[in-house]
């Protein structure tokens, strides 16, 4: 910003020592540090204010876009009877039907047992507890190889 080189800085330090004197130099540096701190705080406060103004302008612009889009949607679908965005009708969820109450089912216990049987996992034939003979036409199963004990 100020583009002060090393030689200019050296000249400024020498002139400051000659004018202020070595005994008053710490007080002068302390005073200059305070002023520099105040300037930095003021510039950061100013920058934050500008950033806030820009942010508010962007928010207002987005609100205007959203209001315009809302008006456009309301003009296209004023009664709300069509799906949003004009999608096909079969994408809308269907009507839900209530389940029958327990006292409406003729045999609630039988219905529960049937539901449990439908939900129970089915074991594959090779993992069944009681092995059944293989279906006709399938190759015979080989017996397991004898272990170390056998």
N, C-alpha and C. Protein backbone atom coordinates (compact mmCIF):
# COMPACT_ATOMS: atom_id res chain seq x y z
N UNK A 1 0.84 -1.19 0.00
CA UNK A 1 0.00 0.00 0.00
C UNK A 1 0.88 1.26 0.00
N UNK A 2 1.77 1.40 0.99
CA UNK A 2 2.63 2.57 1.03
C UNK A 2 3.92 2.33 0.27
N UNK A 3 4.27 1.07 0.06
CA UNK A 3 5.46 0.68 -0.69
C UNK A 3 6.72 1.36 -0.13
N UNK A 4 6.95 1.11 1.17
CA UNK A 4 8.13 1.64 1.83
C UNK A 4 9.19 0.56 1.82
N UNK A 5 10.34 0.88 1.26
CA UNK A 5 11.43 -0.08 1.19
C UNK A 5 12.28 -0.02 2.45
N UNK A 6 13.33 -0.86 2.48
CA UNK A 6 14.21 -0.93 3.66
C UNK A 6 15.00 0.36 3.84
N UNK A 7 15.44 0.95 2.74
CA UNK A 7 16.25 2.19 2.87
C UNK A 7 15.38 3.34 3.40
N UNK A 8 14.14 3.46 2.90
CA UNK A 8 13.27 4.53 3.40
C UNK A 8 12.95 4.33 4.87
N UNK A 9 12.73 3.09 5.28
CA UNK A 9 12.43 2.79 6.68
C UNK A 9 13.62 3.14 7.57
N UNK A 10 14.83 2.87 7.10
CA UNK A 10 16.04 3.20 7.86
C UNK A 10 16.15 4.71 8.04
N UNK A 11 15.86 5.48 6.99
CA UNK A 11 15.92 6.94 7.07
C UNK A 11 14.88 7.45 8.07
N UNK A 12 13.66 6.87 8.05
CA UNK A 12 12.61 7.30 8.98
C UNK A 12 13.02 7.03 10.42
N UNK A 13 13.61 5.86 10.69
CA UNK A 13 14.04 5.51 12.05
C UNK A 13 15.15 6.46 12.52
N UNK A 14 16.10 6.77 11.67
CA UNK A 14 17.20 7.67 12.06
C UNK A 14 16.66 9.07 12.35
N UNK A 15 15.77 9.59 11.50
CA UNK A 15 15.19 10.92 11.73
C UNK A 15 14.37 10.92 13.02
N UNK A 16 13.61 9.81 13.28
CA UNK A 16 12.81 9.75 14.51
C UNK A 16 13.71 9.76 15.73
N UNK A 17 14.82 9.05 15.69
CA UNK A 17 15.74 9.03 16.84
C UNK A 17 16.34 10.42 17.06
N UNK A 18 16.70 11.12 15.97
CA UNK A 18 17.29 12.45 16.11
C UNK A 18 16.28 13.48 16.61
N UNK A 19 15.03 13.41 16.10
CA UNK A 19 14.02 14.41 16.47
C UNK A 19 13.45 14.13 17.85
N UNK A 20 13.03 12.87 18.10
CA UNK A 20 12.37 12.54 19.36
C UNK A 20 13.39 12.33 20.47
N UNK A 21 14.45 11.69 20.15
CA UNK A 21 15.46 11.39 21.15
C UNK A 21 15.29 9.97 21.67
N UNK A 22 16.41 9.36 22.07
CA UNK A 22 16.33 7.96 22.50
C UNK A 22 15.56 7.77 23.80
N UNK A 23 15.48 8.78 24.67
CA UNK A 23 14.79 8.59 25.94
C UNK A 23 13.26 8.63 25.77
N UNK A 24 12.77 9.43 24.84
CA UNK A 24 11.32 9.51 24.62
C UNK A 24 10.81 8.54 23.55
N UNK A 25 11.70 7.77 22.95
CA UNK A 25 11.31 6.86 21.87
C UNK A 25 10.30 5.80 22.34
N UNK A 26 10.43 5.15 23.51
CA UNK A 26 9.42 4.16 23.91
C UNK A 26 8.03 4.77 24.04
N UNK A 27 7.92 5.98 24.60
CA UNK A 27 6.61 6.62 24.72
C UNK A 27 6.03 6.93 23.34
N UNK A 28 6.86 7.38 22.43
CA UNK A 28 6.39 7.72 21.08
C UNK A 28 5.92 6.45 20.35
N UNK A 29 6.67 5.36 20.50
CA UNK A 29 6.27 4.11 19.86
C UNK A 29 4.96 3.58 20.44
N UNK A 30 4.79 3.72 21.76
CA UNK A 30 3.56 3.29 22.41
C UNK A 30 2.38 4.11 21.89
N UNK A 31 2.59 5.44 21.78
CA UNK A 31 1.53 6.31 21.28
C UNK A 31 1.21 5.98 19.81
N UNK A 32 2.23 5.73 19.00
CA UNK A 32 2.02 5.38 17.58
C UNK A 32 1.30 4.03 17.48
N UNK A 33 1.65 3.08 18.35
CA UNK A 33 0.98 1.78 18.35
C UNK A 33 -0.51 1.90 18.65
N UNK A 34 -0.84 2.77 19.60
CA UNK A 34 -2.26 2.99 19.92
C UNK A 34 -3.02 3.55 18.71
N UNK A 35 -2.40 4.55 18.03
CA UNK A 35 -3.05 5.14 16.86
C UNK A 35 -3.22 4.12 15.74
N UNK A 36 -2.22 3.31 15.55
CA UNK A 36 -2.30 2.28 14.49
C UNK A 36 -3.38 1.27 14.84
N UNK A 37 -3.49 0.89 16.11
CA UNK A 37 -4.55 -0.03 16.54
C UNK A 37 -5.93 0.56 16.30
N UNK A 38 -6.08 1.86 16.64
CA UNK A 38 -7.37 2.52 16.40
C UNK A 38 -7.71 2.54 14.91
N UNK A 39 -6.72 2.84 14.07
CA UNK A 39 -6.96 2.85 12.63
C UNK A 39 -7.37 1.46 12.13
N UNK A 40 -6.72 0.42 12.61
CA UNK A 40 -7.06 -0.94 12.19
C UNK A 40 -8.49 -1.31 12.62
N UNK A 41 -8.83 -0.95 13.87
CA UNK A 41 -10.20 -1.26 14.33
C UNK A 41 -11.24 -0.51 13.51
N UNK A 42 -10.96 0.75 13.20
CA UNK A 42 -11.91 1.52 12.39
C UNK A 42 -12.04 0.94 10.98
N UNK A 43 -10.93 0.53 10.39
CA UNK A 43 -11.00 -0.02 9.04
C UNK A 43 -11.72 -1.37 9.04
N UNK A 44 -11.50 -2.21 10.08
CA UNK A 44 -12.21 -3.50 10.13
C UNK A 44 -13.70 -3.28 10.37
N UNK A 45 -14.05 -2.27 11.19
CA UNK A 45 -15.46 -1.95 11.43
C UNK A 45 -16.12 -1.46 10.13
N UNK A 46 -15.41 -0.64 9.40
CA UNK A 46 -15.92 -0.13 8.12
C UNK A 46 -16.10 -1.28 7.12
N UNK A 47 -15.11 -2.17 7.05
CA UNK A 47 -15.19 -3.32 6.14
C UNK A 47 -16.34 -4.23 6.52
N UNK A 48 -16.55 -4.45 7.82
CA UNK A 48 -17.67 -5.28 8.26
C UNK A 48 -19.00 -4.64 7.89
N UNK A 49 -19.09 -3.33 7.99
CA UNK A 49 -20.32 -2.63 7.59
C UNK A 49 -20.59 -2.78 6.11
N UNK A 50 -19.55 -2.66 5.29
CA UNK A 50 -19.73 -2.84 3.85
C UNK A 50 -20.14 -4.28 3.53
N UNK A 51 -19.53 -5.25 4.19
CA UNK A 51 -19.91 -6.65 3.96
C UNK A 51 -21.37 -6.89 4.33
N UNK A 52 -21.82 -6.27 5.40
CA UNK A 52 -23.22 -6.42 5.81
C UNK A 52 -24.16 -5.81 4.79
N UNK A 53 -23.80 -4.66 4.25
CA UNK A 53 -24.64 -4.01 3.23
C UNK A 53 -24.73 -4.90 1.98
N UNK A 54 -23.59 -5.48 1.57
CA UNK A 54 -23.59 -6.37 0.40
C UNK A 54 -24.44 -7.60 0.67
N UNK A 55 -24.31 -8.16 1.86
CA UNK A 55 -25.09 -9.36 2.22
C UNK A 55 -26.58 -9.06 2.21
N UNK A 56 -26.98 -7.92 2.77
CA UNK A 56 -28.39 -7.55 2.78
C UNK A 56 -28.92 -7.35 1.36
N UNK A 57 -28.09 -6.77 0.48
CA UNK A 57 -28.52 -6.58 -0.91
C UNK A 57 -28.71 -7.93 -1.60
N UNK A 58 -27.82 -8.89 -1.33
CA UNK A 58 -27.96 -10.22 -1.91
C UNK A 58 -29.21 -10.92 -1.39
N UNK A 59 -29.50 -10.76 -0.11
CA UNK A 59 -30.70 -11.39 0.47
C UNK A 59 -31.96 -10.79 -0.17
N UNK A 60 -31.99 -9.47 -0.34
CA UNK A 60 -33.15 -8.83 -0.97
C UNK A 60 -33.33 -9.32 -2.40
N UNK A 61 -32.22 -9.47 -3.12
CA UNK A 61 -32.28 -9.97 -4.50
C UNK A 61 -32.85 -11.38 -4.55
N UNK A 62 -32.39 -12.25 -3.63
CA UNK A 62 -32.90 -13.62 -3.59
C UNK A 62 -34.38 -13.65 -3.22
N UNK A 63 -34.80 -12.81 -2.29
CA UNK A 63 -36.21 -12.75 -1.92
C UNK A 63 -37.07 -12.31 -3.11
N UNK A 64 -36.57 -11.38 -3.91
CA UNK A 64 -37.31 -10.96 -5.10
C UNK A 64 -37.44 -12.11 -6.10
N UNK A 65 -36.35 -12.87 -6.29
CA UNK A 65 -36.40 -14.03 -7.19
C UNK A 65 -37.40 -15.06 -6.68
N UNK A 66 -37.38 -15.33 -5.37
CA UNK A 66 -38.30 -16.32 -4.80
C UNK A 66 -39.75 -15.85 -4.93
N UNK A 67 -40.00 -14.56 -4.72
CA UNK A 67 -41.36 -14.04 -4.85
C UNK A 67 -41.84 -14.16 -6.29
N UNK A 68 -40.96 -13.86 -7.25
CA UNK A 68 -41.34 -13.98 -8.66
C UNK A 68 -41.63 -15.43 -9.02
N UNK A 69 -40.80 -16.36 -8.54
CA UNK A 69 -41.03 -17.79 -8.82
C UNK A 69 -42.33 -18.26 -8.16
N UNK A 70 -42.61 -17.79 -6.96
CA UNK A 70 -43.84 -18.16 -6.27
C UNK A 70 -45.06 -17.66 -7.06
N UNK A 71 -44.99 -16.43 -7.57
CA UNK A 71 -46.09 -15.90 -8.37
C UNK A 71 -46.28 -16.74 -9.63
N UNK A 72 -45.18 -17.14 -10.25
CA UNK A 72 -45.26 -17.96 -11.46
C UNK A 72 -45.92 -19.31 -11.16
N UNK A 73 -45.53 -19.94 -10.07
CA UNK A 73 -46.11 -21.24 -9.70
C UNK A 73 -47.59 -21.08 -9.37
N UNK A 74 -47.94 -20.05 -8.64
CA UNK A 74 -49.34 -19.84 -8.28
C UNK A 74 -50.19 -19.53 -9.51
N UNK A 75 -49.60 -18.88 -10.52
CA UNK A 75 -50.34 -18.61 -11.75
C UNK A 75 -50.57 -19.90 -12.54
N UNK A 76 -49.59 -20.82 -12.53
CA UNK A 76 -49.72 -22.07 -13.28
C UNK A 76 -50.66 -23.05 -12.59
N UNK A 77 -50.63 -23.09 -11.27
CA UNK A 77 -51.42 -24.06 -10.50
C UNK A 77 -52.23 -23.33 -9.42
N UNK A 78 -53.25 -22.59 -9.80
CA UNK A 78 -53.96 -21.77 -8.80
C UNK A 78 -54.74 -22.56 -7.78
N UNK A 79 -55.31 -23.73 -8.17
CA UNK A 79 -56.14 -24.46 -7.21
C UNK A 79 -55.39 -25.58 -6.51
N UNK A 80 -54.20 -25.88 -6.95
CA UNK A 80 -53.40 -26.91 -6.31
C UNK A 80 -53.88 -28.31 -6.60
N UNK A 81 -54.73 -28.49 -7.63
CA UNK A 81 -55.26 -29.82 -7.91
C UNK A 81 -54.28 -30.67 -8.70
N UNK A 82 -53.34 -30.06 -9.38
CA UNK A 82 -52.35 -30.83 -10.12
C UNK A 82 -51.12 -31.01 -9.26
N UNK A 83 -50.35 -32.04 -9.55
CA UNK A 83 -49.14 -32.25 -8.74
C UNK A 83 -48.17 -31.09 -8.90
N UNK A 84 -47.37 -30.88 -7.89
CA UNK A 84 -46.39 -29.80 -7.94
C UNK A 84 -45.41 -30.05 -9.07
N UNK A 85 -45.14 -29.03 -9.84
CA UNK A 85 -44.22 -29.16 -10.94
C UNK A 85 -44.84 -29.79 -12.18
N UNK A 86 -46.10 -30.15 -12.12
CA UNK A 86 -46.76 -30.73 -13.28
C UNK A 86 -46.37 -32.17 -13.54
N UNK A 87 -45.99 -32.92 -12.52
CA UNK A 87 -45.61 -34.32 -12.69
C UNK A 87 -46.81 -35.19 -13.01
N UNK A 88 -46.58 -36.41 -13.46
CA UNK A 88 -47.68 -37.30 -13.78
C UNK A 88 -48.50 -37.65 -12.55
N UNK A 89 -49.76 -37.97 -12.77
CA UNK A 89 -50.68 -38.25 -11.68
C UNK A 89 -50.32 -39.50 -10.90
N UNK A 90 -49.71 -40.49 -11.58
CA UNK A 90 -49.44 -41.75 -10.88
C UNK A 90 -48.31 -41.61 -9.85
N UNK A 91 -47.66 -40.47 -9.80
CA UNK A 91 -46.62 -40.27 -8.79
C UNK A 91 -47.19 -39.80 -7.46
N UNK A 92 -48.44 -39.38 -7.49
CA UNK A 92 -49.07 -38.93 -6.24
C UNK A 92 -49.37 -40.14 -5.37
N UNK A 93 -49.22 -40.02 -4.05
CA UNK A 93 -49.53 -41.16 -3.19
C UNK A 93 -51.02 -41.49 -3.25
N UNK A 94 -51.33 -42.78 -3.22
CA UNK A 94 -52.71 -43.21 -3.28
C UNK A 94 -53.41 -43.03 -1.94
N UNK A 95 -54.69 -43.27 -1.95
CA UNK A 95 -55.46 -43.17 -0.72
C UNK A 95 -55.08 -44.31 0.22
N UNK A 96 -54.93 -44.02 1.47
CA UNK A 96 -54.60 -45.05 2.45
C UNK A 96 -55.89 -45.64 2.99
N UNK A 97 -55.88 -46.94 3.15
CA UNK A 97 -57.04 -47.62 3.70
C UNK A 97 -56.71 -48.10 5.10
N UNK A 98 -57.62 -47.92 6.05
CA UNK A 98 -57.32 -48.36 7.42
C UNK A 98 -57.31 -49.88 7.50
N UNK A 99 -56.48 -50.39 8.40
CA UNK A 99 -56.45 -51.82 8.65
C UNK A 99 -57.69 -52.22 9.45
N UNK A 100 -58.06 -53.47 9.31
CA UNK A 100 -59.23 -53.95 10.06
C UNK A 100 -58.86 -54.07 11.53
N UNK A 101 -59.79 -53.76 12.39
CA UNK A 101 -59.57 -53.89 13.83
C UNK A 101 -59.57 -55.37 14.20
N UNK A 102 -59.02 -55.69 15.36
CA UNK A 102 -58.91 -57.09 15.78
C UNK A 102 -60.28 -57.74 15.94
N UNK A 103 -61.28 -56.98 16.37
CA UNK A 103 -62.60 -57.58 16.56
C UNK A 103 -63.36 -57.73 15.24
N UNK A 104 -62.88 -57.09 14.14
CA UNK A 104 -63.52 -57.24 12.84
C UNK A 104 -63.08 -58.50 12.11
N UNK A 105 -61.90 -59.04 12.46
CA UNK A 105 -61.40 -60.25 11.81
C UNK A 105 -62.10 -61.45 12.44
N UNK A 106 -62.63 -62.39 11.61
CA UNK A 106 -63.37 -63.51 12.19
C UNK A 106 -62.52 -64.34 13.14
N UNK A 107 -61.31 -64.65 12.78
CA UNK A 107 -60.45 -65.46 13.66
C UNK A 107 -59.10 -64.75 13.75
N UNK A 108 -58.95 -63.89 14.75
CA UNK A 108 -57.75 -63.07 14.87
C UNK A 108 -56.52 -63.92 15.12
N UNK A 109 -56.65 -65.00 15.91
CA UNK A 109 -55.50 -65.87 16.19
C UNK A 109 -55.03 -66.56 14.92
N UNK A 110 -55.93 -67.04 14.11
CA UNK A 110 -55.56 -67.72 12.87
C UNK A 110 -54.90 -66.73 11.91
N UNK A 111 -55.41 -65.51 11.87
CA UNK A 111 -54.82 -64.50 11.00
C UNK A 111 -53.40 -64.16 11.46
N UNK A 112 -53.19 -64.09 12.78
CA UNK A 112 -51.87 -63.80 13.31
C UNK A 112 -50.90 -64.93 13.01
N UNK A 113 -51.34 -66.16 13.17
CA UNK A 113 -50.48 -67.30 12.87
C UNK A 113 -50.11 -67.32 11.39
N UNK A 114 -51.07 -67.03 10.53
CA UNK A 114 -50.79 -67.02 9.09
C UNK A 114 -49.78 -65.92 8.75
N UNK A 115 -49.90 -64.77 9.41
CA UNK A 115 -48.96 -63.68 9.16
C UNK A 115 -47.57 -64.05 9.63
N UNK A 116 -47.47 -64.74 10.76
CA UNK A 116 -46.16 -65.17 11.28
C UNK A 116 -45.54 -66.17 10.33
N UNK A 117 -46.34 -67.12 9.82
CA UNK A 117 -45.79 -68.11 8.89
C UNK A 117 -45.33 -67.45 7.60
N UNK A 118 -46.06 -66.45 7.13
CA UNK A 118 -45.63 -65.76 5.91
C UNK A 118 -44.35 -64.98 6.14
N UNK A 119 -44.16 -64.46 7.33
CA UNK A 119 -42.99 -63.63 7.62
C UNK A 119 -41.78 -64.46 8.05
N UNK A 120 -41.98 -65.71 8.44
CA UNK A 120 -40.87 -66.53 8.93
C UNK A 120 -39.92 -66.86 7.78
N UNK A 121 -38.62 -66.79 8.04
CA UNK A 121 -37.67 -67.14 6.99
C UNK A 121 -37.75 -68.64 6.68
N UNK A 122 -37.52 -68.97 5.44
CA UNK A 122 -37.55 -70.36 5.00
C UNK A 122 -36.12 -70.81 4.82
N UNK A 123 -35.79 -71.96 5.42
CA UNK A 123 -34.44 -72.49 5.29
C UNK A 123 -34.28 -73.16 3.93
N UNK A 124 -33.09 -73.06 3.41
CA UNK A 124 -32.78 -73.75 2.16
C UNK A 124 -32.75 -75.24 2.44
N UNK A 125 -33.04 -76.09 1.43
CA UNK A 125 -33.11 -77.53 1.67
C UNK A 125 -31.82 -78.09 2.27
N UNK A 126 -30.67 -77.57 1.89
CA UNK A 126 -29.43 -78.12 2.42
C UNK A 126 -29.20 -77.75 3.88
N UNK A 127 -29.97 -76.78 4.39
CA UNK A 127 -29.84 -76.39 5.79
C UNK A 127 -31.02 -76.82 6.64
N UNK A 128 -31.88 -77.62 6.10
CA UNK A 128 -33.07 -78.05 6.83
C UNK A 128 -32.67 -78.99 7.98
N UNK A 129 -33.51 -79.00 9.05
CA UNK A 129 -33.23 -79.85 10.21
C UNK A 129 -33.39 -81.33 9.87
N UNK A 130 -34.42 -81.68 9.14
CA UNK A 130 -34.61 -83.08 8.75
C UNK A 130 -34.33 -83.20 7.25
N UNK A 131 -33.21 -83.81 6.91
CA UNK A 131 -32.85 -83.87 5.49
C UNK A 131 -33.85 -84.75 4.74
N UNK A 132 -34.32 -84.21 3.66
CA UNK A 132 -35.23 -84.97 2.81
C UNK A 132 -34.44 -85.50 1.62
N UNK A 133 -34.93 -86.53 0.99
CA UNK A 133 -34.19 -87.08 -0.14
C UNK A 133 -34.13 -86.05 -1.26
N UNK A 134 -33.05 -86.05 -2.01
CA UNK A 134 -32.92 -85.08 -3.10
C UNK A 134 -33.99 -85.34 -4.15
N UNK A 135 -34.39 -84.32 -4.85
CA UNK A 135 -35.41 -84.49 -5.88
C UNK A 135 -34.91 -85.43 -6.98
N UNK A 136 -35.81 -86.12 -7.63
CA UNK A 136 -35.39 -87.04 -8.68
C UNK A 136 -34.70 -86.29 -9.81
N UNK A 137 -33.66 -86.90 -10.34
CA UNK A 137 -32.91 -86.31 -11.44
C UNK A 137 -31.76 -85.46 -10.99
N UNK A 138 -31.59 -85.23 -9.68
CA UNK A 138 -30.45 -84.45 -9.21
C UNK A 138 -29.31 -85.40 -8.86
N UNK A 139 -28.07 -84.97 -8.98
CA UNK A 139 -26.94 -85.86 -8.68
C UNK A 139 -26.92 -86.22 -7.21
N UNK A 140 -26.49 -87.42 -6.87
CA UNK A 140 -26.43 -87.80 -5.45
C UNK A 140 -25.38 -87.00 -4.72
N UNK A 141 -25.66 -86.76 -3.44
CA UNK A 141 -24.72 -86.02 -2.61
C UNK A 141 -23.62 -86.94 -2.13
N UNK A 142 -22.40 -86.50 -2.19
CA UNK A 142 -21.28 -87.29 -1.70
C UNK A 142 -21.24 -87.20 -0.19
N UNK A 143 -20.87 -88.28 0.49
CA UNK A 143 -20.73 -88.19 1.95
C UNK A 143 -19.53 -87.32 2.30
N UNK A 144 -19.56 -86.71 3.46
CA UNK A 144 -18.43 -85.86 3.84
C UNK A 144 -17.16 -86.69 4.00
N UNK A 145 -16.02 -86.13 3.70
CA UNK A 145 -14.76 -86.87 3.83
C UNK A 145 -14.49 -87.19 5.29
N UNK A 146 -13.86 -88.34 5.58
CA UNK A 146 -13.60 -88.71 6.97
C UNK A 146 -12.60 -87.73 7.57
N UNK A 147 -12.84 -87.40 8.84
CA UNK A 147 -11.96 -86.48 9.56
C UNK A 147 -10.78 -87.20 10.15
N UNK A 148 -10.04 -86.54 10.96
CA UNK A 148 -8.88 -87.13 11.64
C UNK A 148 -9.31 -88.23 12.60
N UNK A 149 -10.52 -88.09 13.16
CA UNK A 149 -11.00 -89.07 14.14
C UNK A 149 -11.44 -90.35 13.45
N UNK A 150 -11.90 -90.33 12.24
CA UNK A 150 -12.59 -91.44 11.63
C UNK A 150 -11.76 -92.31 10.85
